Amino acid sequence: MKRSHWIAILMLILAAAPGLAQEAGVKTNVLGWATTTPNIGVEIGAGRTSTINLTGALNPWNFGDEKHFRFWNVMPEYRYWFCEKFTGHFIGIHALGGQYNAKNFNFPLKALIISSSVDPQQTPADAASGSDGWPDLTSDLNKGRHAEGWYVGGGITYGYQWMLARHWNLEASIGVGYAYSKMTFYGRCNKEIDHRQLHYVGPTHASLSFMYMF
């Protein structure tokens, strides 16, 4: 997603917020910024003990040695609060989706890929795939290789919000769930090596967010 799209979304959120006094907030996850991933979220009240949360993240960067893990991600979520919204304990049900492009980078949670397969109908007959699952993109033998793909999934969330001041909250949350991904693995000169389908079960998000309440 282009930077202009993110700015437009933020402006729409800010334009709607004054009419939702104490019923909406804008937030950002500092854990995301710590991993060089700009992100923004909005949470809107949907009842005394219910809210709708929507977050988006974008990592467009290239690092040294042609290393990158570029991606965008969106996560809509319904939350139920044990006492009242925007304070205390909550549980949620979330969906997620996005795209990625990785080079010289190994997925840190690849051990949680519970199942994977190479698609023989799309994989070139002369390709030497080597193994199923997330490819090793950090080995010297794999320089010049990269993976592109998309994913969808969902899961459950547990979290807590603290009221720091009249307009400021602090939120901590963690989610676990399932994600399905289709990935194309490329070799030198962008030659397709294989096409893979991945099934992942494990953490789907973690946040420590500052939130401004309107």
C-alpha atoms as a PDB file:
ATOM      1  CA  MET A   1       0.000   0.000   0.000  1.00  0.00           C
ATOM      2  CA  LYS A   2       1.362   3.412  -0.987  1.00  0.00           C
ATOM      3  CA  ARG A   3       2.208   6.042   1.622  1.00  0.00           C
ATOM      4  CA  SER A   4      -0.548   8.295   0.252  1.00  0.00           C
ATOM      5  CA  HIS A   5      -3.126   5.591   1.021  1.00  0.00           C
ATOM      6  CA  TRP A   6      -2.018   5.443   4.658  1.00  0.00           C
ATOM      7  CA  ILE A   7      -2.231   9.230   4.946  1.00  0.00           C
ATOM      8  CA  ALA A   8      -5.746   9.206   3.476  1.00  0.00           C
ATOM      9  CA  ILE A   9      -6.886   6.530   5.943  1.00  0.00           C
ATOM     10  CA  LEU A  10      -5.443   8.483   8.881  1.00  0.00           C
ATOM     11  CA  MET A  11      -7.184  11.687   7.736  1.00  0.00           C
ATOM     12  CA  LEU A  12     -10.524   9.873   7.519  1.00  0.00           C
ATOM     13  CA  ILE A  13     -10.023   8.506  11.032  1.00  0.00           C
ATOM     14  CA  LEU A  14      -9.176  11.938  12.428  1.00  0.00           C
ATOM     15  CA  ALA A  15     -12.113  13.546  10.603  1.00  0.00           C
ATOM     16  CA  ALA A  16     -14.590  11.058  12.085  1.00  0.00           C
ATOM     17  CA  ALA A  17     -13.169  11.039  15.592  1.00  0.00           C
ATOM     18  CA  PRO A  18     -14.617  14.339  16.977  1.00  0.00           C
ATOM     19  CA  GLY A  19     -18.140  12.946  16.581  1.00  0.00           C
ATOM     20  CA  LEU A  20     -17.157   9.850  18.539  1.00  0.00           C
ATOM     21  CA  ALA A  21     -15.970  11.539  21.734  1.00  0.00           C
ATOM     22  CA  GLN A  22     -14.797   8.942  24.261  1.00  0.00           C
ATOM     23  CA  GLU A  23     -15.980   6.273  21.794  1.00  0.00           C
ATOM     24  CA  ALA A  24     -12.869   6.065  19.621  1.00  0.00           C
ATOM     25  CA  GLY A  25      -9.112   6.196  19.786  1.00  0.00           C
ATOM     26  CA  VAL A  26      -6.060   6.130  17.508  1.00  0.00           C
ATOM     27  CA  LYS A  27      -3.117   3.966  18.504  1.00  0.00           C
ATOM     28  CA  THR A  28       0.306   2.773  17.454  1.00  0.00           C
ATOM     29  CA  ASN A  29       2.241  -0.328  18.481  1.00  0.00           C
ATOM     30  CA  VAL A  30       5.720   0.516  19.774  1.00  0.00           C
ATOM     31  CA  LEU A  31       6.817  -3.118  19.314  1.00  0.00           C
ATOM     32  CA  GLY A  32       6.169  -2.677  15.605  1.00  0.00           C
ATOM     33  CA  TRP A  33       8.259   0.483  15.460  1.00  0.00           C
ATOM     34  CA  ALA A  34      11.042  -1.384  17.299  1.00  0.00           C
ATOM     35  CA  THR A  35      11.146  -3.821  14.350  1.00  0.00           C
ATOM     36  CA  THR A  36      11.178  -0.945  11.801  1.00  0.00           C
ATOM     37  CA  THR A  37       7.484  -1.449  10.965  1.00  0.00           C
ATOM     38  CA  PRO A  38       5.350   1.723  10.895  1.00  0.00           C
ATOM     39  CA  ASN A  39       1.799   1.000  12.005  1.00  0.00           C
ATOM     40  CA  ILE A  40      -1.461   2.644  12.995  1.00  0.00           C
ATOM     41  CA  GLY A  41      -4.755   1.475  14.459  1.00  0.00           C
ATOM     42  CA  VAL A  42      -8.192   2.764  15.323  1.00  0.00           C
ATOM     43  CA  GLU A  43     -10.630   1.402  17.903  1.00  0.00           C
ATOM     44  CA  ILE A  44     -14.307   2.365  17.994  1.00  0.00           C
ATOM     45  CA  GLY A  45     -16.936   1.589  20.613  1.00  0.00           C
ATOM     46  CA  ALA A  46     -19.742  -0.753  19.517  1.00  0.00           C
ATOM     47  CA  GLY A  47     -21.587  -1.018  22.838  1.00  0.00           C
ATOM     48  CA  ARG A  48     -20.916  -0.753  26.557  1.00  0.00           C
ATOM     49  CA  THR A  49     -18.599  -3.770  26.548  1.00  0.00           C
ATOM     50  CA  SER A  50     -17.751  -4.107  22.841  1.00  0.00           C
ATOM     51  CA  THR A  51     -15.337  -2.423  20.463  1.00  0.00           C
ATOM     52  CA  ILE A  52     -14.143  -2.834  16.882  1.00  0.00           C
ATOM     53  CA  ASN A  53     -10.389  -2.586  16.389  1.00  0.00           C
ATOM     54  CA  LEU A  54      -8.584  -2.181  13.059  1.00  0.00           C
ATOM     55  CA  THR A  55      -4.810  -2.062  12.679  1.00  0.00           C
ATOM     56  CA  GLY A  56      -2.504  -1.821   9.689  1.00  0.00           C
ATOM     57  CA  ALA A  57       1.264  -2.160   9.326  1.00  0.00           C
ATOM     58  CA  LEU A  58       3.731  -1.609   6.500  1.00  0.00           C
ATOM     59  CA  ASN A  59       7.422  -2.511   6.253  1.00  0.00           C
ATOM     60  CA  PRO A  60       8.914  -1.173   2.975  1.00  0.00           C
ATOM     61  CA  TRP A  61      12.602  -1.177   3.893  1.00  0.00           C
ATOM     62  CA  ASN A  62      15.733  -2.731   2.374  1.00  0.00           C
ATOM     63  CA  PHE A  63      18.661  -3.516   4.668  1.00  0.00           C
ATOM     64  CA  GLY A  64      22.317  -4.346   4.108  1.00  0.00           C
ATOM     65  CA  ASP A  65      23.476  -7.344   2.020  1.00  0.00           C
ATOM     66  CA  GLU A  66      20.265  -7.124  -0.056  1.00  0.00           C
ATOM     67  CA  LYS A  67      18.323  -8.295   2.997  1.00  0.00           C
ATOM     68  CA  HIS A  68      14.675  -7.438   3.451  1.00  0.00           C
ATOM     69  CA  PHE A  69      11.345  -8.692   4.712  1.00  0.00           C
ATOM     70  CA  ARG A  70       8.918  -6.251   3.135  1.00  0.00           C
ATOM     71  CA  PHE A  71       5.251  -6.738   3.943  1.00  0.00           C
ATOM     72  CA  TRP A  72       1.907  -5.123   4.609  1.00  0.00           C
ATOM     73  CA  ASN A  73      -0.678  -6.446   7.046  1.00  0.00           C
ATOM     74  CA  VAL A  74      -4.217  -5.562   8.122  1.00  0.00           C
ATOM     75  CA  MET A  75      -6.053  -6.994  11.137  1.00  0.00           C
ATOM     76  CA  PRO A  76      -9.723  -6.298  11.941  1.00  0.00           C
ATOM     77  CA  GLU A  77     -10.894  -7.469  15.362  1.00  0.00           C
ATOM     78  CA  TYR A  78     -14.006  -7.637  17.532  1.00  0.00           C
ATOM     79  CA  ARG A  79     -13.327  -7.178  21.256  1.00  0.00           C
ATOM     80  CA  TYR A  80     -15.392  -8.022  24.326  1.00  0.00           C
ATOM     81  CA  TRP A  81     -14.502  -6.208  27.551  1.00  0.00           C
ATOM     82  CA  PHE A  82     -15.076  -7.895  30.911  1.00  0.00           C
ATOM     83  CA  CYS A  83     -16.164  -4.675  32.649  1.00  0.00           C
ATOM     84  CA  GLU A  84     -16.412  -1.683  30.318  1.00  0.00           C
ATOM     85  CA  LYS A  85     -14.753  -0.772  27.047  1.00  0.00           C
ATOM     86  CA  PHE A  86     -11.332   0.859  26.884  1.00  0.00           C
ATOM     87  CA  THR A  87     -10.278  -0.238  30.360  1.00  0.00           C
ATOM     88  CA  GLY A  88      -9.241  -3.525  31.956  1.00  0.00           C
ATOM     89  CA  HIS A  89      -9.280  -7.031  30.498  1.00  0.00           C
ATOM     90  CA  PHE A  90     -10.614  -7.943  27.056  1.00  0.00           C
ATOM     91  CA  ILE A  91     -10.725 -10.886  24.676  1.00  0.00           C
ATOM     92  CA  GLY A  92     -11.077 -10.659  20.918  1.00  0.00           C
ATOM     93  CA  ILE A  93     -11.573 -12.502  17.665  1.00  0.00           C
ATOM     94  CA  HIS A  94      -9.410 -11.263  14.803  1.00  0.00           C
ATOM     95  CA  ALA A  95      -8.804 -11.857  11.115  1.00  0.00           C
ATOM     96  CA  LEU A  96      -5.588 -10.990   9.306  1.00  0.00           C
ATOM     97  CA  GLY A  97      -4.220 -10.761   5.807  1.00  0.00           C
ATOM     98  CA  GLY A  98      -1.341  -9.340   3.830  1.00  0.00           C
ATOM     99  CA  GLN A  99       1.501  -9.848   1.378  1.00  0.00           C
ATOM    100  CA  TYR A 100       5.263 -10.262   1.778  1.00  0.00           C
ATOM    101  CA  ASN A 101       8.542 -10.246  -0.155  1.00  0.00           C
ATOM    102  CA  ALA A 102      11.581 -11.744   1.602  1.00  0.00           C
ATOM    103  CA  LYS A 103      15.215 -11.969   0.541  1.00  0.00           C
ATOM    104  CA  ASN A 104      18.226 -13.240   2.516  1.00  0.00           C
ATOM    105  CA  PHE A 105      15.925 -13.466   5.530  1.00  0.00           C
ATOM    106  CA  ASN A 106      14.614 -16.454   7.440  1.00  0.00           C
ATOM    107  CA  PHE A 107      11.119 -16.327   8.922  1.00  0.00           C
ATOM    108  CA  PRO A 108      11.762 -16.359  12.709  1.00  0.00           C
ATOM    109  CA  LEU A 109       8.723 -18.549  13.448  1.00  0.00           C
ATOM    110  CA  LYS A 110       9.261 -21.068  10.660  1.00  0.00           C
ATOM    111  CA  ALA A 111       9.317 -23.924  13.196  1.00  0.00           C
ATOM    112  CA  LEU A 112       5.592 -23.238  13.729  1.00  0.00           C
ATOM    113  CA  ILE A 113       4.734 -24.015  10.103  1.00  0.00           C
ATOM    114  CA  ILE A 114       2.817 -27.223  10.827  1.00  0.00           C
ATOM    115  CA  SER A 115       2.322 -28.315   7.227  1.00  0.00           C
ATOM    116  CA  SER A 116       3.678 -27.368   3.816  1.00  0.00           C
ATOM    117  CA  SER A 117       3.579 -28.706   0.299  1.00  0.00           C
ATOM    118  CA  VAL A 118       5.087 -27.961  -3.090  1.00  0.00           C
ATOM    119  CA  ASP A 119       2.502 -27.521  -5.833  1.00  0.00           C
ATOM    120  CA  PRO A 120       3.598 -29.942  -8.596  1.00  0.00           C
ATOM    121  CA  GLN A 121       1.177 -28.417 -11.115  1.00  0.00           C
ATOM    122  CA  GLN A 122       2.847 -24.994 -10.925  1.00  0.00           C
ATOM    123  CA  THR A 123       6.422 -25.923 -10.035  1.00  0.00           C
ATOM    124  CA  PRO A 124       8.783 -26.144 -13.042  1.00  0.00           C
ATOM    125  CA  ALA A 125       9.703 -29.736 -13.873  1.00  0.00           C
ATOM    126  CA  ASP A 126      13.444 -28.999 -13.863  1.00  0.00           C
ATOM    127  CA  ALA A 127      13.410 -27.144 -10.516  1.00  0.00           C
ATOM    128  CA  ALA A 128      15.444 -28.466  -7.599  1.00  0.00           C
ATOM    129  CA  SER A 129      13.274 -27.446  -4.695  1.00  0.00           C
ATOM    130  CA  GLY A 130      15.353 -29.050  -1.950  1.00  0.00           C
ATOM    131  CA  SER A 131      12.713 -29.089   0.790  1.00  0.00           C
ATOM    132  CA  ASP A 132       9.197 -28.069   1.690  1.00  0.00           C
ATOM    133  CA  GLY A 133       8.325 -25.306   4.112  1.00  0.00           C
ATOM    134  CA  TRP A 134       9.789 -21.829   4.418  1.00  0.00           C
ATOM    135  CA  PRO A 135      12.985 -21.715   2.316  1.00  0.00           C
ATOM    136  CA  ASP A 136      16.379 -20.927   3.777  1.00  0.00           C
ATOM    137  CA  LEU A 137      17.030 -17.426   2.449  1.00  0.00           C
ATOM    138  CA  THR A 138      20.119 -16.693   4.554  1.00  0.00           C
ATOM    139  CA  SER A 139      22.521 -19.352   3.301  1.00  0.00           C
ATOM    140  CA  ASP A 140      25.390 -18.260   1.054  1.00  0.00           C
ATOM    141  CA  LEU A 141      24.194 -20.910  -1.403  1.00  0.00           C
ATOM    142  CA  ASN A 142      20.894 -19.075  -1.665  1.00  0.00           C
ATOM    143  CA  LYS A 143      22.165 -15.576  -2.404  1.00  0.00           C
ATOM    144  CA  GLY A 144      19.974 -13.965  -5.013  1.00  0.00           C
ATOM    145  CA  ARG A 145      16.910 -16.011  -4.061  1.00  0.00           C
ATOM    146  CA  HIS A 146      13.743 -14.541  -2.654  1.00  0.00           C
ATOM    147  CA  ALA A 147      10.165 -15.490  -1.767  1.00  0.00           C
ATOM    148  CA  GLU A 148       6.911 -13.665  -2.499  1.00  0.00           C
ATOM    149  CA  GLY A 149       3.481 -14.562  -1.237  1.00  0.00           C
ATOM    150  CA  TRP A 150       0.219 -13.666   0.463  1.00  0.00           C
ATOM    151  CA  TYR A 151      -1.509 -14.918   3.604  1.00  0.00           C
ATOM    152  CA  VAL A 152      -4.870 -14.933   5.372  1.00  0.00           C
ATOM    153  CA  GLY A 153      -5.844 -16.203   8.780  1.00  0.00           C
ATOM    154  CA  GLY A 154      -7.447 -15.508  12.103  1.00  0.00           C
ATOM    155  CA  GLY A 155      -7.290 -16.187  15.805  1.00  0.00           C
ATOM    156  CA  ILE A 156      -8.089 -15.054  19.331  1.00  0.00           C
ATOM    157  CA  THR A 157      -6.660 -12.205  21.385  1.00  0.00           C
ATOM    158  CA  TYR A 158      -6.208 -11.470  25.059  1.00  0.00           C
ATOM    159  CA  GLY A 159      -5.255  -8.022  26.280  1.00  0.00           C
ATOM    160  CA  TYR A 160      -5.482  -5.294  28.886  1.00  0.00           C
ATOM    161  CA  GLN A 161      -5.765  -1.504  28.721  1.00  0.00           C
ATOM    162  CA  TRP A 162      -4.653   0.986  31.364  1.00  0.00           C
ATOM    163  CA  MET A 163      -5.998   4.538  31.592  1.00  0.00           C
ATOM    164  CA  LEU A 164      -2.937   6.763  31.898  1.00  0.00           C
ATOM    165  CA  ALA A 165      -4.687  10.132  31.605  1.00  0.00           C
ATOM    166  CA  ARG A 166      -7.917  11.625  30.311  1.00  0.00           C
ATOM    167  CA  HIS A 167      -6.945  11.106  26.679  1.00  0.00           C
ATOM    168  CA  TRP A 168      -4.194   8.485  26.915  1.00  0.00           C
ATOM    169  CA  ASN A 169      -4.348   4.694  27.307  1.00  0.00           C
ATOM    170  CA  LEU A 170      -1.695   1.998  27.264  1.00  0.00           C
ATOM    171  CA  GLU A 171      -2.560  -1.388  25.801  1.00  0.00           C
ATOM    172  CA  ALA A 172      -0.816  -4.776  25.915  1.00  0.00           C
ATOM    173  CA  SER A 173      -2.174  -7.697  23.919  1.00  0.00           C
ATOM    174  CA  ILE A 174      -1.180 -10.977  22.314  1.00  0.00           C
ATOM    175  CA  GLY A 175      -2.924 -13.138  19.737  1.00  0.00           C
ATOM    176  CA  VAL A 176      -2.604 -16.738  18.595  1.00  0.00           C
ATOM    177  CA  GLY A 177      -4.218 -18.437  15.649  1.00  0.00           C
ATOM    178  CA  TYR A 178      -3.871 -19.949  12.193  1.00  0.00           C
ATOM    179  CA  ALA A 179      -2.633 -18.566   8.868  1.00  0.00           C
ATOM    180  CA  TYR A 180      -2.569 -19.988   5.351  1.00  0.00           C
ATOM    181  CA  SER A 181      -0.025 -18.744   2.812  1.00  0.00           C
ATOM    182  CA  LYS A 182       0.730 -19.312  -0.859  1.00  0.00           C
ATOM    183  CA  MET A 183       4.336 -18.533  -1.765  1.00  0.00           C
ATOM    184  CA  THR A 184       6.453 -18.475  -4.906  1.00  0.00           C
ATOM    185  CA  PHE A 185      10.161 -19.151  -4.418  1.00  0.00           C
ATOM    186  CA  TYR A 186      12.470 -17.485  -6.979  1.00  0.00           C
ATOM    187  CA  GLY A 187      16.083 -18.224  -7.890  1.00  0.00           C
ATOM    188  CA  ARG A 188      18.643 -16.223  -9.815  1.00  0.00           C
ATOM    189  CA  CYS A 189      17.338 -13.968 -12.601  1.00  0.00           C
ATOM    190  CA  ASN A 190      13.857 -14.292 -11.072  1.00  0.00           C
ATOM    191  CA  LYS A 191      13.497 -17.882 -12.256  1.00  0.00           C
ATOM    192  CA  GLU A 192      10.616 -19.602 -10.466  1.00  0.00           C
ATOM    193  CA  ILE A 193      11.873 -22.547  -8.404  1.00  0.00           C
ATOM    194  CA  ASP A 194       8.633 -23.725  -6.859  1.00  0.00           C
ATOM    195  CA  HIS A 195       5.221 -22.766  -5.519  1.00  0.00           C
ATOM    196  CA  ARG A 196       4.362 -23.652  -1.926  1.00  0.00           C
ATOM    197  CA  GLN A 197       1.336 -23.760   0.333  1.00  0.00           C
ATOM    198  CA  LEU A 198       2.052 -23.198   4.022  1.00  0.00           C
ATOM    199  CA  HIS A 199      -0.083 -23.768   7.129  1.00  0.00           C
ATOM    200  CA  TYR A 200       1.000 -21.934  10.286  1.00  0.00           C
ATOM    201  CA  VAL A 201      -0.270 -22.136  13.881  1.00  0.00           C
ATOM    202  CA  GLY A 202       1.201 -19.866  16.552  1.00  0.00           C
ATOM    203  CA  PRO A 203       1.452 -16.184  17.563  1.00  0.00           C
ATOM    204  CA  THR A 204      -0.353 -13.889  15.143  1.00  0.00           C
ATOM    205  CA  HIS A 205       0.403 -10.566  16.811  1.00  0.00           C
ATOM    206  CA  ALA A 206       1.830  -8.905  19.901  1.00  0.00           C
ATOM    207  CA  SER A 207       1.387  -5.277  20.869  1.00  0.00           C
ATOM    208  CA  LEU A 208       2.346  -2.666  23.404  1.00  0.00           C
ATOM    209  CA  SER A 209       0.436   0.351  22.145  1.00  0.00           C
ATOM    210  CA  PHE A 210      -0.095   3.936  23.142  1.00  0.00           C
ATOM    211  CA  MET A 211      -3.616   5.125  22.387  1.00  0.00           C
ATOM    212  CA  TYR A 212      -5.041   8.632  22.128  1.00  0.00           C
ATOM    213  CA  MET A 213      -8.738   8.767  23.090  1.00  0.00           C
ATOM    214  CA  PHE A 214     -11.015  11.398  21.544  1.00  0.00           C
END
